Amino acid sequence: MLSVVTRLQTAAEGSGTITFVGSAAGDAGPTDRVEWARLHEQAQGMAAALQVRGVGRGVHVGLLGPTSRTLVTTIQAVFLA
């Protein structure tokens, strides 16, 4: 069974996209389509910042926010940290 991190990395290596619709698209308009590779790159940067602040394996992190691209990126960053 593949880990979540391995699955995220595999998705980032492909050519797939994720589409955010409505309010989840934020300022991008009615829809925001982003490649998994771009989202993964952003999440890796955020994960590095979390690690500097002491977030890593075994640390509990609470996330609260509206369903959005930012939230999805943040969730992925926590997995990567």
C-alpha atoms as a PDB file:
ATOM      1  CA  MET A   1       0.000   0.000   0.000  1.00  0.00           C
ATOM      2  CA  LEU A   2       1.378   3.403  -1.002  1.00  0.00           C
ATOM      3  CA  SER A   3       1.699   6.159   1.579  1.00  0.00           C
ATOM      4  CA  VAL A   4      -0.156   9.441   1.200  1.00  0.00           C
ATOM      5  CA  VAL A   5       3.125  11.241   0.495  1.00  0.00           C
ATOM      6  CA  THR A   6       4.025   8.724  -2.234  1.00  0.00           C
ATOM      7  CA  ARG A   7       0.592   9.146  -3.804  1.00  0.00           C
ATOM      8  CA  LEU A   8       0.952  12.947  -3.754  1.00  0.00           C
ATOM      9  CA  GLN A   9       4.389  12.718  -5.380  1.00  0.00           C
ATOM     10  CA  THR A  10       3.046  10.341  -8.035  1.00  0.00           C
ATOM     11  CA  ALA A  11       0.189  12.739  -8.822  1.00  0.00           C
ATOM     12  CA  ALA A  12       2.674  15.616  -9.097  1.00  0.00           C
ATOM     13  CA  GLU A  13       4.768  13.671 -11.601  1.00  0.00           C
ATOM     14  CA  GLY A  14       1.775  13.181 -13.893  1.00  0.00           C
ATOM     15  CA  SER A  15      -0.004  15.653 -16.128  1.00  0.00           C
ATOM     16  CA  GLY A  16      -3.234  15.789 -14.124  1.00  0.00           C
ATOM     17  CA  THR A  17      -5.003  18.873 -12.885  1.00  0.00           C
ATOM     18  CA  ILE A  18      -7.366  19.764 -10.093  1.00  0.00           C
ATOM     19  CA  THR A  19     -10.228  22.199 -10.626  1.00  0.00           C
ATOM     20  CA  PHE A  20     -11.677  24.412  -7.906  1.00  0.00           C
ATOM     21  CA  VAL A  21     -15.187  25.693  -8.591  1.00  0.00           C
ATOM     22  CA  GLY A  22     -17.190  28.599  -7.192  1.00  0.00           C
ATOM     23  CA  SER A  23     -16.026  30.070  -3.914  1.00  0.00           C
ATOM     24  CA  ALA A  24     -13.278  27.430  -3.744  1.00  0.00           C
ATOM     25  CA  ALA A  25     -11.683  29.122  -6.779  1.00  0.00           C
ATOM     26  CA  GLY A  26     -11.105  32.280  -4.751  1.00  0.00           C
ATOM     27  CA  ASP A  27     -10.020  35.333  -6.714  1.00  0.00           C
ATOM     28  CA  ALA A  28      -9.416  33.237  -9.854  1.00  0.00           C
ATOM     29  CA  GLY A  29     -13.062  33.553 -10.876  1.00  0.00           C
ATOM     30  CA  PRO A  30     -15.716  30.899 -11.362  1.00  0.00           C
ATOM     31  CA  THR A  31     -13.086  28.162 -11.757  1.00  0.00           C
ATOM     32  CA  ASP A  32      -9.400  27.729 -10.997  1.00  0.00           C
ATOM     33  CA  ARG A  33      -7.571  24.838 -12.660  1.00  0.00           C
ATOM     34  CA  VAL A  34      -4.065  24.029 -11.437  1.00  0.00           C
ATOM     35  CA  GLU A  35      -1.683  21.224 -12.308  1.00  0.00           C
ATOM     36  CA  TRP A  36      -0.958  18.810  -9.487  1.00  0.00           C
ATOM     37  CA  ALA A  37       2.757  19.506 -10.028  1.00  0.00           C
ATOM     38  CA  ARG A  38       2.234  23.235  -9.315  1.00  0.00           C
ATOM     39  CA  LEU A  39       0.106  22.564  -6.249  1.00  0.00           C
ATOM     40  CA  HIS A  40       2.735  20.067  -5.015  1.00  0.00           C
ATOM     41  CA  GLU A  41       5.513  22.637  -5.521  1.00  0.00           C
ATOM     42  CA  GLN A  42       3.589  25.187  -3.469  1.00  0.00           C
ATOM     43  CA  ALA A  43       2.866  22.593  -0.776  1.00  0.00           C
ATOM     44  CA  GLN A  44       6.562  21.647  -0.578  1.00  0.00           C
ATOM     45  CA  GLY A  45       7.446  25.287   0.095  1.00  0.00           C
ATOM     46  CA  MET A  46       4.787  25.516   2.756  1.00  0.00           C
ATOM     47  CA  ALA A  47       5.944  22.184   4.259  1.00  0.00           C
ATOM     48  CA  ALA A  48       9.486  23.540   4.551  1.00  0.00           C
ATOM     49  CA  ALA A  49       8.166  26.574   6.429  1.00  0.00           C
ATOM     50  CA  LEU A  50       6.174  24.297   8.749  1.00  0.00           C
ATOM     51  CA  GLN A  51       9.259  22.150   9.428  1.00  0.00           C
ATOM     52  CA  VAL A  52      11.248  25.258  10.410  1.00  0.00           C
ATOM     53  CA  ARG A  53       8.514  25.907  12.961  1.00  0.00           C
ATOM     54  CA  GLY A  54       8.803  22.400  14.399  1.00  0.00           C
ATOM     55  CA  VAL A  55       6.038  20.604  12.502  1.00  0.00           C
ATOM     56  CA  GLY A  56       6.965  17.053  11.554  1.00  0.00           C
ATOM     57  CA  ARG A  57       6.044  13.428  12.030  1.00  0.00           C
ATOM     58  CA  GLY A  58       3.912  12.937  15.125  1.00  0.00           C
ATOM     59  CA  VAL A  59       3.064  16.611  15.599  1.00  0.00           C
ATOM     60  CA  HIS A  60      -0.649  17.398  15.656  1.00  0.00           C
ATOM     61  CA  VAL A  61      -1.802  20.183  13.351  1.00  0.00           C
ATOM     62  CA  GLY A  62      -5.289  21.624  13.248  1.00  0.00           C
ATOM     63  CA  LEU A  63      -6.620  23.178  10.050  1.00  0.00           C
ATOM     64  CA  LEU A  64      -9.748  25.243   9.699  1.00  0.00           C
ATOM     65  CA  GLY A  65     -10.874  27.143   6.659  1.00  0.00           C
ATOM     66  CA  PRO A  66     -13.238  27.242   3.745  1.00  0.00           C
ATOM     67  CA  THR A  67     -12.815  24.672   1.001  1.00  0.00           C
ATOM     68  CA  SER A  68     -10.322  26.385  -1.266  1.00  0.00           C
ATOM     69  CA  ARG A  69      -7.098  25.930  -3.186  1.00  0.00           C
ATOM     70  CA  THR A  70      -5.238  27.372  -0.192  1.00  0.00           C
ATOM     71  CA  LEU A  71      -6.745  24.803   2.164  1.00  0.00           C
ATOM     72  CA  VAL A  72      -5.948  21.898  -0.184  1.00  0.00           C
ATOM     73  CA  THR A  73      -2.353  23.149  -0.526  1.00  0.00           C
ATOM     74  CA  THR A  74      -2.067  23.504   3.246  1.00  0.00           C
ATOM     75  CA  ILE A  75      -3.400  19.988   3.874  1.00  0.00           C
ATOM     76  CA  GLN A  76      -0.861  18.599   1.417  1.00  0.00           C
ATOM     77  CA  ALA A  77       1.895  20.654   3.067  1.00  0.00           C
ATOM     78  CA  VAL A  78       1.069  19.146   6.464  1.00  0.00           C
ATOM     79  CA  PHE A  79       1.335  15.647   4.997  1.00  0.00           C
ATOM     80  CA  LEU A  80       4.708  16.537   3.469  1.00  0.00           C
ATOM     81  CA  ALA A  81       6.068  18.132   6.650  1.00  0.00           C
END
